[in-house]
Protein backbone atom coordinates (compact mmCIF):
# COMPACT_ATOMS: atom_id res chain seq x y z
CA MET A 1 55.05 67.23 32.98
CA GLY A 2 51.70 65.49 32.75
CA ILE A 3 50.86 62.75 30.31
CA GLU A 4 48.43 65.20 28.66
CA ASP A 5 51.41 67.29 27.53
CA ILE A 6 52.90 64.37 25.54
CA GLU A 7 52.27 64.35 21.81
CA ILE A 8 54.00 61.62 19.83
CA GLY A 9 53.94 62.16 16.05
CA GLU A 10 55.21 60.04 13.26
CA ASP A 11 59.01 59.76 13.06
CA PHE A 12 60.68 60.92 9.86
CA ASP A 13 64.07 61.34 8.25
CA PHE A 14 65.67 64.34 9.90
CA GLU A 15 68.45 64.49 7.35
CA GLN A 16 66.01 64.60 4.48
CA MET A 17 64.04 67.40 6.06
CA LEU A 18 67.13 69.54 6.73
CA ASN A 19 68.35 68.91 3.12
CA GLU A 20 65.00 70.05 1.74
CA SER A 21 65.22 73.22 3.75
CA PHE A 22 68.38 74.11 1.90
CA GLU A 23 67.56 72.67 -1.55
CA ASN A 24 67.81 76.13 -3.11
CA ALA A 25 71.26 76.90 -1.63
CA GLU A 26 74.02 77.50 -4.21
CA ASN A 27 77.11 77.17 -2.14
CA ASN A 28 76.38 78.67 1.34
CA SER A 29 79.37 80.93 0.86
CA VAL A 30 79.99 83.83 3.28
CA VAL A 31 80.69 87.30 1.82
CA ASP A 32 80.84 90.83 3.23
CA GLY A 33 77.92 93.05 2.36
CA VAL A 34 77.18 96.74 2.83
CA ILE A 35 73.88 97.94 4.22
CA VAL A 36 72.45 100.31 1.71
CA GLU A 37 68.88 100.84 3.08
CA ILE A 38 66.85 100.11 6.17
CA SER A 39 63.16 100.49 5.47
CA GLY A 40 60.48 99.24 7.88
CA GLU A 41 61.12 95.54 8.44
CA ASN A 42 63.48 95.09 5.48
CA VAL A 43 67.26 95.64 5.19
CA SER A 44 68.87 95.90 1.69
CA VAL A 45 72.52 94.69 1.52
CA ASP A 46 74.91 95.12 -1.40
CA VAL A 47 76.74 91.78 -1.76
CA GLY A 48 78.97 92.97 -4.70
CA GLN A 49 78.65 93.68 -8.37
CA LYS A 50 75.78 96.09 -7.50
CA VAL A 51 73.66 93.12 -6.55
CA GLU A 52 71.46 93.57 -3.48
CA GLY A 53 69.95 90.94 -1.19
CA ARG A 54 67.36 91.54 1.42
CA LEU A 55 67.28 90.74 5.24
CA HIS A 56 64.49 90.93 7.80
CA ILE A 57 65.37 93.57 10.36
CA SER A 58 65.19 91.02 13.14
CA GLU A 59 68.48 89.55 11.89
CA ILE A 60 70.40 92.68 12.97
CA THR A 61 68.25 93.49 16.09
CA ILE A 62 69.42 92.51 19.53
CA GLY A 63 67.29 93.25 22.63
CA GLY A 64 65.00 95.37 20.58
CA VAL A 65 67.79 97.61 19.31
CA VAL A 66 69.02 97.65 15.64
CA LYS A 67 72.71 96.81 15.86
CA TYR A 68 73.82 98.30 12.49
CA LYS A 69 73.18 101.38 10.31
CA VAL A 70 73.32 102.28 6.62
CA GLY A 71 76.93 101.98 5.41
CA ASP A 72 77.95 99.31 7.87
CA THR A 73 79.57 96.17 6.53
CA ILE A 74 78.23 92.88 7.80
CA PRO A 75 78.97 89.21 6.93
CA VAL A 76 76.15 87.34 5.15
CA VAL A 77 75.75 83.84 3.79
CA LEU A 78 74.44 83.32 0.23
CA THR A 79 71.80 80.65 0.49
CA GLY A 80 70.36 80.82 -3.01
CA THR A 81 68.34 83.12 -5.23
CA ARG A 82 64.84 84.53 -5.07
CA GLY A 83 63.93 85.72 -8.56
CA GLU A 84 66.92 87.74 -9.73
CA LYS A 85 68.02 88.63 -6.25
CA PRO A 86 70.21 86.45 -3.93
CA SER A 87 68.82 84.99 -0.74
CA ILE A 88 71.09 86.04 2.14
CA SER A 89 71.25 85.63 5.86
CA HIS A 90 73.30 87.45 8.48
CA LYS A 91 71.83 85.31 11.28
CA LYS A 92 73.11 82.08 9.69
CA VAL A 93 76.63 83.45 9.80
CA LEU A 94 76.26 83.98 13.54
CA GLN A 95 74.68 80.60 13.95
CA LYS A 96 77.56 79.04 12.06
CA GLU A 97 79.98 80.50 14.47
CA LYS A 98 77.95 79.20 17.39
CA PHE A 99 77.57 75.82 15.74
CA ASP A 100 81.34 75.53 15.24
CA SER A 101 81.98 76.54 18.79
CA PHE A 102 79.48 73.94 20.05
CA VAL A 103 80.98 71.15 17.91
CA LYS A 104 84.44 72.06 19.01
CA GLU A 105 83.51 72.05 22.69
CA HIS A 106 81.59 68.71 22.67
CA ALA A 107 83.35 66.95 19.77
CA GLU A 108 84.31 63.91 21.79
CA ASP A 109 80.91 63.16 23.36
CA LEU A 110 78.25 65.01 21.31
CA GLU A 111 75.41 62.51 21.77
CA ASN A 112 75.61 62.70 25.61
CA VAL A 113 75.26 66.47 25.77
CA THR A 114 72.10 67.92 27.33
CA ILE A 115 71.07 71.40 26.30
CA GLU A 116 68.61 73.84 27.86
CA GLY A 117 66.82 76.65 26.03
CA LYS A 118 63.66 78.37 25.16
CA ILE A 119 61.31 77.44 22.26
CA VAL A 120 61.47 80.48 19.91
CA SER A 121 59.70 79.04 16.84
CA ILE A 122 57.37 76.20 15.84
CA LYS A 123 57.26 74.53 12.42
CA PRO A 124 53.77 73.02 12.01
CA ARG A 125 54.00 69.27 11.94
CA GLY A 126 57.75 69.65 11.79
CA GLY A 127 59.14 70.55 15.17
CA PHE A 128 60.45 73.24 17.47
CA ILE A 129 63.38 75.67 17.21
CA ILE A 130 65.09 76.02 20.59
CA GLU A 131 67.53 78.81 21.43
CA ASP A 132 69.85 78.69 24.45
CA ASP A 133 71.18 81.60 26.48
CA ASN A 134 74.18 81.98 24.10
CA GLY A 135 71.88 82.29 21.11
CA CYS A 136 72.69 78.89 19.68
CA GLU A 137 69.79 77.24 17.95
CA TYR A 138 68.70 73.60 17.97
CA PHE A 139 65.98 71.71 16.12
CA MET A 140 63.69 69.36 18.01
CA PRO A 141 61.42 67.21 15.77
CA MET A 142 57.80 66.94 16.96
CA ALA A 143 58.13 63.17 17.46
CA GLN A 144 61.13 63.73 19.80
CA SER A 145 59.49 66.49 21.89
CA TYR A 146 56.86 64.86 24.19
CA LEU A 147 55.14 68.27 23.76
CA LYS A 148 52.04 69.74 22.21
CA ALA A 149 52.53 72.64 19.83
CA GLN A 150 49.82 74.63 21.47
CA GLY A 151 51.22 76.74 24.26
CA ALA A 152 54.76 75.56 23.72
CA LEU A 153 56.10 78.85 22.36
CA GLY A 154 58.33 80.52 25.00
CA LYS A 155 58.54 77.38 27.16
CA LYS A 156 61.91 76.45 28.62
CA VAL A 157 62.95 72.86 27.97
CA LYS A 158 65.85 70.49 28.36
CA ALA A 159 66.82 68.04 25.56
CA LYS A 160 69.59 65.69 24.57
CA VAL A 161 71.64 65.87 21.36
CA LEU A 162 70.58 63.24 18.85
CA LYS A 163 72.92 64.17 15.92
CA ILE A 164 74.57 67.06 14.11
CA ASN A 165 74.64 67.94 10.43
CA GLU A 166 77.89 69.77 9.77
CA ALA A 167 76.98 70.36 6.12
CA GLN A 168 73.89 72.22 7.21
CA ASN A 169 75.25 73.54 10.52
CA SER A 170 72.28 72.04 12.34
CA ILE A 171 71.96 70.36 15.76
CA ILE A 172 69.09 67.97 16.30
CA VAL A 173 67.97 67.35 19.85
CA SER A 174 65.40 65.12 21.64
CA ARG A 175 63.42 65.77 24.81
CA LYS A 176 61.99 62.29 24.52
CA LYS A 177 65.44 60.72 24.80
CA LEU A 178 66.27 62.79 27.87
CA ILE A 179 63.00 61.90 29.59
CA GLU A 180 63.26 58.19 28.84
CA GLU A 181 66.95 58.04 29.97
CA SER A 182 66.07 59.92 33.11
CA LYS A 183 63.22 57.49 33.83
CA VAL A 184 65.48 54.50 33.37
CA GLU A 185 68.10 56.09 35.60
CA LYS A 186 65.47 56.95 38.25
CA ASP A 187 64.04 53.45 38.18
CA SER A 188 67.47 51.98 38.62
CA LYS A 189 68.28 54.30 41.61
CA VAL A 190 64.93 53.69 43.20
CA ALA A 191 65.41 49.92 42.85
CA GLU A 192 68.64 50.34 44.87
CA PHE A 193 66.75 52.31 47.49
CA LEU A 194 64.04 49.69 47.72
CA ASN A 195 66.64 46.96 48.18
CA THR A 196 68.17 49.00 51.04
CA ASP A 197 66.31 48.35 54.19
CA GLY A 198 68.17 51.02 56.18
CA PRO A 199 67.66 54.77 56.36
CA ILE A 200 68.83 57.20 53.59
CA ASN A 201 69.99 60.76 54.01
CA GLY A 202 68.48 63.48 51.82
CA THR A 203 67.94 67.20 51.61
CA ILE A 204 64.62 68.95 51.91
CA LYS A 205 63.94 70.54 48.57
CA LYS A 206 60.46 71.94 49.09
CA ILE A 207 57.93 72.14 51.96
CA THR A 208 54.17 72.24 51.33
CA SER A 209 51.09 72.05 53.50
CA TYR A 210 50.64 68.33 52.71
CA GLY A 211 54.30 67.23 53.15
CA MET A 212 57.80 67.83 51.92
CA PHE A 213 59.95 66.86 48.91
CA VAL A 214 63.29 65.35 49.70
CA ASP A 215 66.20 65.09 47.25
CA LEU A 216 68.00 61.80 47.41
CA GLY A 217 70.95 62.54 45.14
CA GLY A 218 68.91 63.66 42.12
CA ILE A 219 65.83 61.62 42.88
CA ASP A 220 62.92 63.46 44.60
CA GLY A 221 60.52 61.73 46.95
CA LEU A 222 57.55 62.92 48.97
CA VAL A 223 57.24 62.67 52.73
CA ASN A 224 53.51 63.01 53.39
CA TYR A 225 52.58 64.96 56.55
CA ASN A 226 51.36 61.74 58.10
CA GLU A 227 54.88 60.25 57.81
CA ILE A 228 56.80 62.96 59.73
CA SER A 229 55.96 62.21 63.33
CA TYR A 230 54.36 59.42 65.34
CA LYS A 231 52.07 62.07 66.79
CA GLY A 232 50.02 61.86 63.57
CA PRO A 233 49.51 64.45 60.84
CA VAL A 234 51.67 67.53 61.51
CA ASN A 235 52.65 70.75 59.74
CA PRO A 236 56.10 70.05 58.27
CA SER A 237 57.12 73.74 58.48
CA ASN A 238 56.90 73.47 62.28
CA TYR A 239 59.66 70.83 62.29
CA TYR A 240 61.94 71.58 59.24
CA ASN A 241 63.22 74.22 56.87
CA GLU A 242 64.00 73.88 53.16
CA GLY A 243 67.65 72.88 52.85
CA ASP A 244 67.72 70.83 56.01
CA GLU A 245 69.23 67.39 55.88
CA VAL A 246 66.85 64.66 56.97
CA THR A 247 67.04 60.82 57.34
CA VAL A 248 64.18 58.94 55.61
CA LYS A 249 63.13 55.50 54.65
CA VAL A 250 61.62 54.43 51.27
CA LEU A 251 58.03 53.23 51.65
CA SER A 252 56.96 52.55 48.04
CA TYR A 253 57.45 53.47 44.43
CA ASP A 254 54.76 53.93 41.75
CA LYS A 255 56.68 53.22 38.57
CA THR A 256 53.86 54.40 36.29
CA LYS A 257 53.49 57.76 38.01
CA GLN A 258 57.18 57.95 38.94
CA HIS A 259 56.08 58.64 42.52
CA LEU A 260 58.47 57.85 45.36
CA SER A 261 56.97 57.79 48.87
CA LEU A 262 59.24 58.38 51.84
CA SER A 263 58.90 58.45 55.63
CA VAL A 264 60.79 60.19 58.35
CA LYS A 265 59.15 58.38 61.26
CA ALA A 266 59.82 54.95 59.75
CA ALA A 267 63.53 55.73 60.00
CA LEU A 268 63.13 56.37 63.75
CA SER A 269 62.51 53.92 66.56
CA ASN A 270 58.77 53.45 67.31
CA PRO A 271 58.03 55.16 70.63
CA TRP A 272 54.77 53.26 70.91
CA GLU A 273 56.64 50.01 71.17
CA GLU A 274 58.80 51.52 73.85
CA ILE A 275 55.81 52.19 76.07
CA ARG A 276 54.08 48.86 75.39
CA ASP A 277 55.43 47.28 78.58
CA GLU A 278 55.96 50.57 80.53
CA LEU A 279 52.57 52.11 80.53
CA GLU A 280 49.11 50.78 81.37
CA VAL A 281 45.53 52.01 82.08
CA GLY A 282 45.30 53.61 85.49
CA ASP A 283 48.89 54.95 85.55
CA THR A 284 49.40 58.61 86.39
CA ILE A 285 51.78 60.47 84.04
CA THR A 286 53.07 64.05 83.59
CA VAL A 287 52.37 65.50 80.13
CA THR A 288 52.50 68.84 78.34
CA ILE A 289 49.57 70.53 76.68
CA SER A 290 50.68 70.60 72.95
CA ASN A 291 47.59 71.53 70.92
CA PHE A 292 43.99 72.57 71.24
CA GLU A 293 40.88 71.46 69.32
CA SER A 294 37.23 72.35 69.89
CA TYR A 295 36.69 68.80 71.31
CA GLY A 296 39.59 68.84 73.77
CA ALA A 297 43.42 69.12 74.02
CA PHE A 298 46.36 67.01 72.88
CA VAL A 299 49.09 66.21 75.34
CA ASP A 300 52.69 65.37 74.60
CA LEU A 301 54.43 62.62 76.54
CA GLY A 302 57.80 63.97 75.51
CA ASN A 303 58.77 61.02 73.26
CA ASP A 304 56.91 61.89 70.02
CA ILE A 305 53.69 60.43 71.34
CA GLU A 306 50.51 62.51 71.78
CA GLY A 307 47.38 61.52 73.69
CA LEU A 308 43.92 63.00 73.67
CA LEU A 309 42.53 64.81 76.68
CA HIS A 310 38.84 65.03 75.70
CA ILE A 311 36.92 68.06 76.93
CA SER A 312 34.69 65.71 79.00
CA GLU A 313 37.83 64.51 80.84
CA ILE A 314 39.21 67.96 81.67
CA SER A 315 36.83 68.92 84.50
CA TRP A 316 33.86 67.65 86.45
CA ASN A 317 32.14 70.86 85.40
CA LYS A 318 29.69 69.76 82.74
CA ASN A 319 29.30 73.33 81.47
CA LEU A 320 32.91 73.64 80.19
CA LYS A 321 32.73 74.62 76.54
CA ASN A 322 36.30 75.41 75.62
CA PRO A 323 39.46 73.64 76.86
CA LYS A 324 41.34 76.93 76.73
CA ASP A 325 39.14 78.17 79.64
CA LEU A 326 41.09 75.91 81.98
CA LEU A 327 44.32 75.03 80.19
CA THR A 328 47.21 76.86 78.57
CA LEU A 329 49.49 75.71 75.75
CA GLY A 330 52.71 74.37 77.35
CA ASP A 331 51.18 73.62 80.71
CA GLU A 332 52.55 70.57 82.45
CA VAL A 333 49.76 68.54 84.09
CA ASN A 334 49.35 65.22 85.78
CA VAL A 335 46.77 62.92 84.00
CA GLU A 336 45.51 59.35 84.39
CA VAL A 337 45.79 56.89 81.50
CA ILE A 338 42.16 55.81 80.71
CA GLU A 339 42.73 54.06 77.34
CA LEU A 340 45.90 52.63 75.69
CA ASP A 341 46.04 50.78 72.43
CA VAL A 342 49.64 50.52 71.20
CA ASP A 343 48.66 48.70 67.97
CA LYS A 344 46.23 51.42 66.96
CA LYS A 345 48.50 54.12 68.35
CA ARG A 346 45.63 55.40 70.57
CA LEU A 347 46.07 57.03 73.99
CA ARG A 348 43.42 58.82 76.00
CA VAL A 349 43.95 60.46 79.33
CA SER A 350 41.88 62.17 82.02
CA LEU A 351 42.60 65.14 84.16
CA LYS A 352 39.34 65.09 86.19
CA ASN A 353 39.96 61.54 87.44
CA LEU A 354 42.77 62.87 89.63
CA GLN A 355 40.48 65.53 91.10
CA GLU A 356 37.92 64.96 93.87
CA LYS A 357 34.44 64.31 92.54
CA PRO A 358 32.26 67.33 92.94
CA PHE A 359 29.41 65.10 94.22
CA ALA A 360 31.65 63.66 96.95
CA LYS A 361 32.83 67.13 97.92
CA PHE A 362 29.30 68.42 98.00
CA THR A 363 27.98 65.64 100.27
CA LYS A 364 30.78 66.28 102.62
CA GLU A 365 29.71 69.90 103.00
CA HIS A 366 25.90 69.59 102.72
CA LYS A 367 23.08 67.39 104.06
CA VAL A 368 19.37 66.98 103.60
CA GLY A 369 17.54 69.90 104.99
CA ASP A 370 20.17 72.50 104.11
CA ILE A 371 18.96 75.60 102.30
CA ILE A 372 21.35 76.91 99.65
CA LYS A 373 21.41 79.18 96.58
CA GLY A 374 21.98 78.14 92.97
CA LYS A 375 21.37 79.16 89.37
CA VAL A 376 18.93 77.67 86.95
CA ALA A 377 21.07 75.79 84.35
CA THR A 378 18.52 73.88 82.29
CA LEU A 379 14.72 73.91 81.93
CA THR A 380 12.82 70.76 81.00
CA GLU A 381 9.23 69.55 80.78
CA PHE A 382 9.55 67.87 84.20
CA GLY A 383 11.43 70.59 86.12
CA ALA A 384 14.73 72.52 86.26
CA PHE A 385 18.38 71.60 86.88
CA VAL A 386 19.96 74.03 89.32
CA THR A 387 23.75 74.47 89.45
CA LEU A 388 25.07 74.27 93.04
CA GLY A 389 28.73 75.05 92.59
CA ASP A 390 30.14 72.05 90.61
CA VAL A 391 27.03 69.86 90.84
CA ASP A 392 23.48 70.04 89.60
CA GLY A 393 20.34 69.35 91.57
CA LEU A 394 16.81 68.64 90.25
CA LEU A 395 13.96 70.89 91.16
CA HIS A 396 10.89 68.95 90.04
CA ASN A 397 7.78 70.90 88.88
CA GLU A 398 5.89 69.54 91.95
CA GLU A 399 8.52 71.04 94.27
CA ALA A 400 8.71 74.42 92.61
CA SER A 401 5.37 75.84 93.83
CA TRP A 402 2.36 75.06 96.03
CA GLU A 403 0.22 76.07 93.04
CA GLY A 404 -0.96 72.99 91.20
CA ASN A 405 0.00 72.17 87.57
CA VAL A 406 2.68 74.84 87.41
CA LYS A 407 5.95 74.14 85.51
CA CYS A 408 9.37 75.52 86.18
CA LYS A 409 9.82 76.69 82.59
CA ASN A 410 6.83 79.05 83.19
CA LEU A 411 8.34 80.38 86.49
CA TYR A 412 12.03 80.76 85.73
CA LYS A 413 14.50 81.39 82.92
CA LYS A 414 18.05 80.11 82.47
CA GLY A 415 20.48 81.96 84.76
CA ASP A 416 17.90 82.89 87.47
CA GLU A 417 19.18 82.66 91.02
CA VAL A 418 16.98 80.59 93.36
CA GLU A 419 16.99 79.57 96.95
CA VAL A 420 16.27 75.86 97.38
CA LYS A 421 16.19 73.18 100.08
CA ILE A 422 17.91 69.82 99.79
CA ILE A 423 15.21 67.23 100.29
CA LYS A 424 17.02 64.09 99.11
CA ILE A 425 20.61 62.91 98.33
CA ASP A 426 20.95 59.65 96.38
CA ARG A 427 24.63 58.66 96.88
CA GLU A 428 24.38 55.59 94.67
CA LYS A 429 22.91 57.45 91.62
CA GLU A 430 24.63 60.73 92.64
CA ASN A 431 21.35 62.60 92.35
CA ILE A 432 20.29 65.63 94.47
CA SER A 433 16.61 66.49 94.81
CA LEU A 434 15.65 70.11 95.63
CA SER A 435 12.47 71.97 96.76
CA ILE A 436 11.30 75.55 96.96
CA LYS A 437 7.96 74.56 98.38
CA ASP A 438 9.67 73.33 101.53
CA ILE A 439 10.99 76.80 102.43
CA THR A 440 7.67 78.61 101.86
CA ASP A 441 4.50 78.25 103.92
CA SER A 442 1.97 75.99 102.27
CA PRO A 443 -1.64 77.22 101.80
CA ALA A 444 -2.59 74.50 104.28
CA LYS A 445 -0.21 75.98 106.90
CA ARG A 446 -1.66 79.42 106.38
CA PHE A 447 -5.16 77.92 106.69
CA GLN A 448 -4.10 76.19 109.89
CA SER A 449 -3.26 79.58 111.43
CA THR A 450 -6.89 80.64 111.22
CA HIS A 451 -8.74 77.31 111.44
CA LYS A 452 -8.67 74.26 113.68
CA ILE A 453 -10.15 70.74 113.66
CA GLY A 454 -13.87 70.89 114.07
CA ASP A 455 -14.31 74.24 112.40
CA ILE A 456 -17.16 74.50 109.89
CA VAL A 457 -16.10 75.90 106.54
CA LYS A 458 -17.90 76.75 103.33
CA GLY A 459 -16.58 76.01 99.84
CA THR A 460 -17.53 75.41 96.21
CA ILE A 461 -17.73 71.94 94.85
CA LYS A 462 -14.78 71.72 92.42
CA ASP A 463 -14.55 68.14 91.21
CA LEU A 464 -16.12 64.71 91.78
CA LYS A 465 -13.96 61.58 91.86
CA ASP A 466 -14.65 57.85 92.45
CA PHE A 467 -13.26 58.22 96.00
CA GLY A 468 -14.92 61.53 96.93
CA LEU A 469 -15.23 65.17 96.01
CA PHE A 470 -13.01 68.20 96.19
CA ILE A 471 -14.17 71.48 97.61
CA LYS A 472 -12.26 74.72 96.89
CA ILE A 473 -11.65 76.38 100.29
CA GLU A 474 -9.09 79.07 99.33
CA ASP A 475 -6.68 79.80 96.45
CA ASN A 476 -4.35 76.84 95.89
CA LEU A 477 -6.13 74.88 98.70
CA ASP A 478 -8.82 72.22 98.17
CA GLY A 479 -10.58 70.14 100.79
CA LEU A 480 -11.30 66.47 100.22
CA VAL A 481 -14.57 64.80 101.33
CA ARG A 482 -14.27 61.10 101.02
CA ASN A 483 -17.30 58.96 100.05
CA GLU A 484 -17.62 57.64 103.60
CA ASP A 485 -17.89 61.27 104.86
CA PHE A 486 -20.77 62.30 102.54
CA GLY A 487 -23.37 61.72 105.30
CA PRO A 488 -26.82 62.69 104.11
CA LEU A 489 -25.35 64.02 100.80
CA LYS A 490 -26.17 61.78 97.80
CA PRO A 491 -23.79 61.64 94.78
CA GLU A 492 -26.69 62.35 92.42
CA ASP A 493 -27.37 65.61 94.24
CA ILE A 494 -23.78 66.92 93.79
CA GLU A 495 -23.50 69.96 91.44
CA ILE A 496 -20.14 71.39 90.39
CA GLY A 497 -19.97 75.02 91.50
CA LYS A 498 -22.54 74.65 94.28
CA GLU A 499 -21.63 76.01 97.67
CA ILE A 500 -21.54 73.52 100.57
CA GLU A 501 -20.55 73.29 104.26
CA ALA A 502 -18.34 70.74 105.91
CA VAL A 503 -16.32 70.19 109.02
CA VAL A 504 -12.50 70.27 109.13
CA VAL A 505 -11.26 66.83 110.29
CA ASN A 506 -7.52 66.96 109.33
CA ILE A 507 -4.85 69.51 108.19
CA ASP A 508 -1.69 68.18 106.53
CA THR A 509 0.57 71.22 106.13
CA ASN A 510 3.46 69.29 104.51
CA ARG A 511 1.28 67.76 101.81
CA ASN A 512 -0.92 70.83 101.59
CA ARG A 513 -4.10 68.78 102.17
CA VAL A 514 -7.27 69.36 104.22
CA ARG A 515 -9.81 66.62 105.05
CA LEU A 516 -13.44 67.62 105.38
CA SER A 517 -16.52 65.70 106.47
CA ILE A 518 -20.25 66.42 105.76
CA LYS A 519 -21.23 63.43 107.84
CA ARG A 520 -19.46 64.84 110.88
CA LEU A 521 -21.16 68.18 110.24
CA GLU A 522 -24.53 66.42 110.60
CA GLN A 523 -23.36 64.73 113.84
CA GLN A 524 -22.00 68.01 115.12
CA GLN A 525 -25.25 69.80 114.44
CA GLU A 526 -27.18 67.04 116.22
CA ARG A 527 -24.94 67.48 119.33
CA GLU A 528 -25.55 71.16 119.28
CA ILE A 529 -29.28 70.55 119.08
CA LEU A 530 -29.16 68.24 122.07
CA LYS A 531 -27.12 70.79 123.97
CA SER A 532 -29.76 73.36 123.19
CA VAL A 533 -32.50 71.05 124.49
CA ASN A 534 -30.67 70.62 127.76
CA ASP A 535 -30.21 74.41 128.07
CA ASP A 536 -33.89 75.22 127.30
CA SER A 537 -36.27 72.71 128.87
CA SER A 538 -39.37 74.60 127.62
CA MET A 539 -38.54 73.69 124.02
CA THR A 540 -39.11 70.16 122.82
CA LEU A 541 -36.69 68.15 120.69
CA GLY A 542 -39.30 68.07 117.96
CA ASP A 543 -39.43 71.83 117.86
CA LEU A 544 -35.68 72.12 117.53
CA LEU A 545 -35.51 69.60 114.78
CA LYS A 546 -38.36 71.28 113.04
CA ASP A 547 -36.37 74.59 113.08
CA GLN A 548 -33.25 72.88 111.77
CA ILE A 549 -35.20 71.32 108.91
CA LYS A 550 -36.52 74.72 108.04
């Protein structure tokens, strides 16, 4: 019952009200009458001297069936007159019998009797008529009901007898008295529970998703699902059944709301205190996988304590998405304690700490210069991470191709298999650097197969920098002419796109670079001219230079 159901009206004189309801009664005498007609909802009864009274058909109907027929004799009570005809009632005769039986049964302790019945009628601003399973009727004044008239019809209620009126065969009851006495009794019992520091035995009355109600000898209390186990919030139906006996401890009592809070775990020894001096960070313990969540698994130590095995602590494999991929409910595993806070009841463990680090295993089996296969795991602006078993290596954009300004995200997609070369292992930072360039011929190396130092090449001026100019020799291969190698070429005469000749002075196949010199081209041409002079004495040096100038 909520407080919104309570409606307290003005009290009044019950005796006076009942007397008024019978103010027209002559003598309430009982006589035998004969049914002379049943028509629609009315029943005509001859009560003697050819005088007929009238009953509503409901007074001789039980369970929807009319109990009597025309010609039957039934007892009726004369309650007064209505015009020239007597007012009669068959139902009041039956009620009189039930009233007498009730009084006889409870004569010695009438005011301590509690009745239970259904509200069958409501008298506006008056009260409620209650009928029990035996058909006995009771009157409950509105002020004694703690009920609203709206929606009360048909409701089952309990009430306590206030008084009886033998002259009017009426029993007055009070739900208010029953509730207030029950409240006082409950407060008294709860006070005893609160003064008792020890555990109390009870019976589980009802189990819900948020806890369970326990009956402590007529007083119900709630064990919240947080108060069942030291593991934390649990589903009570996984531990108990309705009707089970359970030991609890009283936590608190809200007298206003009549709410009694109980705890099962408070009645047990605290397992966290038991491990305070027995367990510490770094210890290895055997646990059982007890539950799964998206973020990891819970492990049971076997003494009502659960710890968290976060998904990041299950494996060194960073791509693990679901703990169920590696673990099974009920598995026994060895783990390392990585965090323990007894006061906060917090325990975190690690499975991967007891396994060899993938990086350490990888460096035992591989070295710089090894060529291995892997799969592209992640693509970024600066390169790609390639999975090499249980570790990842970085393939930087600059190491993905000999072609300049090319990014990995434009060359590969996630999941692509690639062959790479290990070019660096940083054991301190546990980083692995990879290269694809190193296992393919550079454009400079291909150039070297067809050219040598001193060869004269032609190219197009591509770019001019402060330190020199770049000449495009082949696809993906530029030659650099530094300022000091310009020779007769003046910076102001340089035109982008103009074809020019130079001499190869260095080929760096690893860095894909070629050094060129225009100055050396001039020197080389001068040597060739001198050689020609020596070979043809009839031609003068001036003639040769004149031809070269042309």
